[in-house]
Amino acid sequence: MTQVQQAPLGKFGNPFIQAAITLAAVVLVNLVAKICAWAGADIEERFPWLTAAAFMLVFALFNSIISLSSASMLQYWSRSVYSFLGLGFVSAMLAYLLSGLSLGEAGSYWWIFIVVSFGYLVFLSMMAMIRNIVEFAQKEEWNQPRFRQKKRK
């Protein structure tokens, strides 16, 4: 079995760890919101859906930026997409359990999830393109231009 090279970020370069940290943040924010609601604060019923969508966007942004430091872009992409799908599924289930609303009943959050998902793919594609451009530029050999000698009369 081959060893997967870790990103310079250590364990934070692993998309599964990133998704777990993001999920922990979703749970923490939702728990704080529930405690505030029990204390009498006016928390919207769809707040868990908002939290899930917001942290999916945060994951998409940071995961795509961290992808620049990965050793194998293809391996990182596959792990990242699985992590994103898992994060979305678990966040949606948590939002459903906490709010009692399905994704369809939560209003526009269905479209927000779709936009965040396509945005994530766009972010990953942009980072892959940037990485390819930088690698090409680093391989390119620089030769100093030659100046032409003017013919003197």
C-alpha atoms as a PDB file:
ATOM      1  CA  MET A   1       0.000   0.000   0.000  1.00  0.00           C
ATOM      2  CA  THR A   2       1.435   3.382  -0.918  1.00  0.00           C
ATOM      3  CA  GLN A   3       1.759   6.183   1.564  1.00  0.00           C
ATOM      4  CA  VAL A   4      -0.166   9.373   0.840  1.00  0.00           C
ATOM      5  CA  GLN A   5       2.032  12.412   1.190  1.00  0.00           C
ATOM      6  CA  GLN A   6       0.635  14.900   3.665  1.00  0.00           C
ATOM      7  CA  ALA A   7       0.296  18.538   2.812  1.00  0.00           C
ATOM      8  CA  PRO A   8       2.642  20.944   4.583  1.00  0.00           C
ATOM      9  CA  LEU A   9      -0.293  21.817   6.826  1.00  0.00           C
ATOM     10  CA  GLY A  10      -0.081  18.418   8.506  1.00  0.00           C
ATOM     11  CA  LYS A  11      -3.401  16.924   9.526  1.00  0.00           C
ATOM     12  CA  PHE A  12      -5.278  20.073   8.494  1.00  0.00           C
ATOM     13  CA  GLY A  13      -4.337  19.253   4.900  1.00  0.00           C
ATOM     14  CA  ASN A  14      -6.599  16.179   5.080  1.00  0.00           C
ATOM     15  CA  PRO A  15     -10.091  16.982   3.716  1.00  0.00           C
ATOM     16  CA  PHE A  16     -11.724  14.546   6.142  1.00  0.00           C
ATOM     17  CA  ILE A  17     -10.199  16.399   9.103  1.00  0.00           C
ATOM     18  CA  GLN A  18     -11.330  19.709   7.596  1.00  0.00           C
ATOM     19  CA  ALA A  19     -14.872  18.370   7.231  1.00  0.00           C
ATOM     20  CA  ALA A  20     -14.851  17.066  10.807  1.00  0.00           C
ATOM     21  CA  ILE A  21     -13.725  20.454  12.141  1.00  0.00           C
ATOM     22  CA  THR A  22     -16.391  22.191  10.061  1.00  0.00           C
ATOM     23  CA  LEU A  23     -19.040  19.780  11.297  1.00  0.00           C
ATOM     24  CA  ALA A  24     -17.964  20.406  14.874  1.00  0.00           C
ATOM     25  CA  ALA A  25     -18.409  24.133  14.241  1.00  0.00           C
ATOM     26  CA  VAL A  26     -21.902  23.504  12.823  1.00  0.00           C
ATOM     27  CA  VAL A  27     -22.848  21.508  15.915  1.00  0.00           C
ATOM     28  CA  LEU A  28     -21.363  24.116  18.255  1.00  0.00           C
ATOM     29  CA  VAL A  29     -23.162  27.052  16.614  1.00  0.00           C
ATOM     30  CA  ASN A  30     -26.450  25.151  16.548  1.00  0.00           C
ATOM     31  CA  LEU A  31     -26.108  24.176  20.213  1.00  0.00           C
ATOM     32  CA  VAL A  32     -25.376  27.770  21.200  1.00  0.00           C
ATOM     33  CA  ALA A  33     -28.411  28.878  19.184  1.00  0.00           C
ATOM     34  CA  LYS A  34     -30.611  26.272  20.938  1.00  0.00           C
ATOM     35  CA  ILE A  35     -29.353  27.394  24.343  1.00  0.00           C
ATOM     36  CA  CYS A  36     -30.078  31.015  23.398  1.00  0.00           C
ATOM     37  CA  ALA A  37     -33.566  29.999  22.219  1.00  0.00           C
ATOM     38  CA  TRP A  38     -34.233  28.212  25.513  1.00  0.00           C
ATOM     39  CA  ALA A  39     -33.035  31.329  27.337  1.00  0.00           C
ATOM     40  CA  GLY A  40     -35.649  33.385  25.517  1.00  0.00           C
ATOM     41  CA  ALA A  41     -33.813  34.751  22.458  1.00  0.00           C
ATOM     42  CA  ASP A  42     -35.762  34.898  19.226  1.00  0.00           C
ATOM     43  CA  ILE A  43     -34.008  32.426  16.924  1.00  0.00           C
ATOM     44  CA  GLU A  44     -35.523  31.812  13.501  1.00  0.00           C
ATOM     45  CA  GLU A  45     -36.854  28.314  12.878  1.00  0.00           C
ATOM     46  CA  ARG A  46     -34.657  27.933   9.778  1.00  0.00           C
ATOM     47  CA  PHE A  47     -31.445  28.927  11.584  1.00  0.00           C
ATOM     48  CA  PRO A  48     -29.983  25.367  11.500  1.00  0.00           C
ATOM     49  CA  TRP A  49     -30.326  25.397   7.703  1.00  0.00           C
ATOM     50  CA  LEU A  50     -28.571  28.758   7.561  1.00  0.00           C
ATOM     51  CA  THR A  51     -25.760  27.399   9.718  1.00  0.00           C
ATOM     52  CA  ALA A  52     -25.374  24.287   7.569  1.00  0.00           C
ATOM     53  CA  ALA A  53     -25.223  26.297   4.337  1.00  0.00           C
ATOM     54  CA  ALA A  54     -22.838  28.899   5.772  1.00  0.00           C
ATOM     55  CA  PHE A  55     -20.359  26.339   7.061  1.00  0.00           C
ATOM     56  CA  MET A  56     -20.520  24.386   3.810  1.00  0.00           C
ATOM     57  CA  LEU A  57     -19.456  27.589   2.062  1.00  0.00           C
ATOM     58  CA  VAL A  58     -16.639  28.075   4.588  1.00  0.00           C
ATOM     59  CA  PHE A  59     -15.490  24.487   3.973  1.00  0.00           C
ATOM     60  CA  ALA A  60     -15.654  25.012   0.206  1.00  0.00           C
ATOM     61  CA  LEU A  61     -13.536  28.137   0.367  1.00  0.00           C
ATOM     62  CA  PHE A  62     -10.818  26.893   2.710  1.00  0.00           C
ATOM     63  CA  ASN A  63     -10.696  23.384   1.261  1.00  0.00           C
ATOM     64  CA  SER A  64     -10.147  24.703  -2.235  1.00  0.00           C
ATOM     65  CA  ILE A  65      -7.399  27.066  -1.058  1.00  0.00           C
ATOM     66  CA  ILE A  66      -5.661  24.299   0.897  1.00  0.00           C
ATOM     67  CA  SER A  67      -5.802  22.121  -2.240  1.00  0.00           C
ATOM     68  CA  LEU A  68      -2.953  24.221  -3.647  1.00  0.00           C
ATOM     69  CA  SER A  69      -0.568  22.660  -1.139  1.00  0.00           C
ATOM     70  CA  SER A  70      -1.559  19.047  -1.767  1.00  0.00           C
ATOM     71  CA  ALA A  71       0.975  16.661  -3.223  1.00  0.00           C
ATOM     72  CA  SER A  72      -1.516  14.805  -5.435  1.00  0.00           C
ATOM     73  CA  MET A  73      -4.323  16.945  -6.795  1.00  0.00           C
ATOM     74  CA  LEU A  74      -6.376  13.965  -8.001  1.00  0.00           C
ATOM     75  CA  GLN A  75      -6.329  12.220  -4.617  1.00  0.00           C
ATOM     76  CA  TYR A  76      -7.099  15.468  -2.857  1.00  0.00           C
ATOM     77  CA  TRP A  77     -10.036  16.162  -5.172  1.00  0.00           C
ATOM     78  CA  SER A  78     -11.628  12.761  -4.597  1.00  0.00           C
ATOM     79  CA  ARG A  79     -11.254  13.027  -0.828  1.00  0.00           C
ATOM     80  CA  SER A  80     -12.490  16.610  -0.887  1.00  0.00           C
ATOM     81  CA  VAL A  81     -15.624  15.816  -2.850  1.00  0.00           C
ATOM     82  CA  TYR A  82     -16.454  12.891  -0.549  1.00  0.00           C
ATOM     83  CA  SER A  83     -15.825  15.115   2.467  1.00  0.00           C
ATOM     84  CA  PHE A  84     -18.060  17.843   1.051  1.00  0.00           C
ATOM     85  CA  LEU A  85     -20.861  15.364   0.319  1.00  0.00           C
ATOM     86  CA  GLY A  86     -20.566  13.871   3.806  1.00  0.00           C
ATOM     87  CA  LEU A  87     -20.514  17.304   5.421  1.00  0.00           C
ATOM     88  CA  GLY A  88     -23.561  18.360   3.430  1.00  0.00           C
ATOM     89  CA  PHE A  89     -25.484  15.209   4.295  1.00  0.00           C
ATOM     90  CA  VAL A  90     -24.704  15.257   8.010  1.00  0.00           C
ATOM     91  CA  SER A  91     -25.280  19.021   8.271  1.00  0.00           C
ATOM     92  CA  ALA A  92     -28.623  18.658   6.498  1.00  0.00           C
ATOM     93  CA  MET A  93     -29.676  15.812   8.795  1.00  0.00           C
ATOM     94  CA  LEU A  94     -28.679  17.854  11.835  1.00  0.00           C
ATOM     95  CA  ALA A  95     -30.581  20.881  10.514  1.00  0.00           C
ATOM     96  CA  TYR A  96     -33.628  18.693   9.905  1.00  0.00           C
ATOM     97  CA  LEU A  97     -33.461  17.244  13.427  1.00  0.00           C
ATOM     98  CA  LEU A  98     -33.026  20.635  15.084  1.00  0.00           C
ATOM     99  CA  SER A  99     -35.546  22.613  13.036  1.00  0.00           C
ATOM    100  CA  GLY A 100     -38.149  19.996  12.208  1.00  0.00           C
ATOM    101  CA  LEU A 101     -38.214  21.332   8.639  1.00  0.00           C
ATOM    102  CA  SER A 102     -37.215  19.350   5.604  1.00  0.00           C
ATOM    103  CA  LEU A 103     -34.975  20.982   3.028  1.00  0.00           C
ATOM    104  CA  GLY A 104     -37.986  21.651   0.804  1.00  0.00           C
ATOM    105  CA  GLU A 105     -39.901  23.246   3.677  1.00  0.00           C
ATOM    106  CA  ALA A 106     -36.939  25.445   4.621  1.00  0.00           C
ATOM    107  CA  GLY A 107     -37.636  27.736   1.687  1.00  0.00           C
ATOM    108  CA  SER A 108     -34.772  28.889  -0.488  1.00  0.00           C
ATOM    109  CA  TYR A 109     -32.144  26.775   1.261  1.00  0.00           C
ATOM    110  CA  TRP A 110     -32.542  24.099  -1.404  1.00  0.00           C
ATOM    111  CA  TRP A 111     -31.197  26.559  -3.979  1.00  0.00           C
ATOM    112  CA  ILE A 112     -28.549  27.836  -1.594  1.00  0.00           C
ATOM    113  CA  PHE A 113     -27.231  24.281  -1.199  1.00  0.00           C
ATOM    114  CA  ILE A 114     -27.151  23.871  -4.990  1.00  0.00           C
ATOM    115  CA  VAL A 115     -25.322  27.185  -5.468  1.00  0.00           C
ATOM    116  CA  VAL A 116     -22.787  26.356  -2.734  1.00  0.00           C
ATOM    117  CA  SER A 117     -22.192  22.921  -4.302  1.00  0.00           C
ATOM    118  CA  PHE A 118     -21.571  24.327  -7.777  1.00  0.00           C
ATOM    119  CA  GLY A 119     -19.497  27.119  -6.259  1.00  0.00           C
ATOM    120  CA  TYR A 120     -17.359  24.501  -4.538  1.00  0.00           C
ATOM    121  CA  LEU A 121     -16.681  22.765  -7.838  1.00  0.00           C
ATOM    122  CA  VAL A 122     -15.828  26.123  -9.408  1.00  0.00           C
ATOM    123  CA  PHE A 123     -13.452  26.928  -6.523  1.00  0.00           C
ATOM    124  CA  LEU A 124     -11.692  23.576  -6.909  1.00  0.00           C
ATOM    125  CA  SER A 125     -11.424  24.026 -10.675  1.00  0.00           C
ATOM    126  CA  MET A 126     -10.001  27.525 -10.291  1.00  0.00           C
ATOM    127  CA  MET A 127      -7.400  26.302  -7.823  1.00  0.00           C
ATOM    128  CA  ALA A 128      -6.407  23.444 -10.122  1.00  0.00           C
ATOM    129  CA  MET A 129      -6.034  25.871 -13.014  1.00  0.00           C
ATOM    130  CA  ILE A 130      -3.985  28.277 -10.887  1.00  0.00           C
ATOM    131  CA  ARG A 131      -1.769  25.422  -9.757  1.00  0.00           C
ATOM    132  CA  ASN A 132      -1.203  24.250 -13.343  1.00  0.00           C
ATOM    133  CA  ILE A 133      -0.337  27.777 -14.470  1.00  0.00           C
ATOM    134  CA  VAL A 134       2.140  28.228 -11.615  1.00  0.00           C
ATOM    135  CA  GLU A 135       3.753  24.827 -12.271  1.00  0.00           C
ATOM    136  CA  PHE A 136       4.067  25.659 -15.970  1.00  0.00           C
ATOM    137  CA  ALA A 137       5.604  29.039 -15.191  1.00  0.00           C
ATOM    138  CA  GLN A 138       8.112  27.433 -12.804  1.00  0.00           C
ATOM    139  CA  LYS A 139       9.181  24.885 -15.445  1.00  0.00           C
ATOM    140  CA  GLU A 140       9.545  27.520 -18.148  1.00  0.00           C
ATOM    141  CA  GLU A 141      13.155  28.375 -18.837  1.00  0.00           C
ATOM    142  CA  TRP A 142      13.907  32.058 -18.930  1.00  0.00           C
ATOM    143  CA  ASN A 143      16.339  33.230 -21.548  1.00  0.00           C
ATOM    144  CA  GLN A 144      17.323  36.839 -21.577  1.00  0.00           C
ATOM    145  CA  PRO A 145      16.231  38.499 -24.812  1.00  0.00           C
ATOM    146  CA  ARG A 146      18.978  39.322 -27.253  1.00  0.00           C
ATOM    147  CA  PHE A 147      19.315  42.866 -28.350  1.00  0.00           C
ATOM    148  CA  ARG A 148      19.846  43.588 -32.012  1.00  0.00           C
ATOM    149  CA  GLN A 149      22.832  45.558 -33.003  1.00  0.00           C
ATOM    150  CA  LYS A 150      21.938  48.608 -35.034  1.00  0.00           C
ATOM    151  CA  LYS A 151      23.806  48.945 -38.260  1.00  0.00           C
ATOM    152  CA  ARG A 152      25.862  52.044 -38.119  1.00  0.00           C
ATOM    153  CA  LYS A 153      26.258  54.116 -41.210  1.00  0.00           C
END
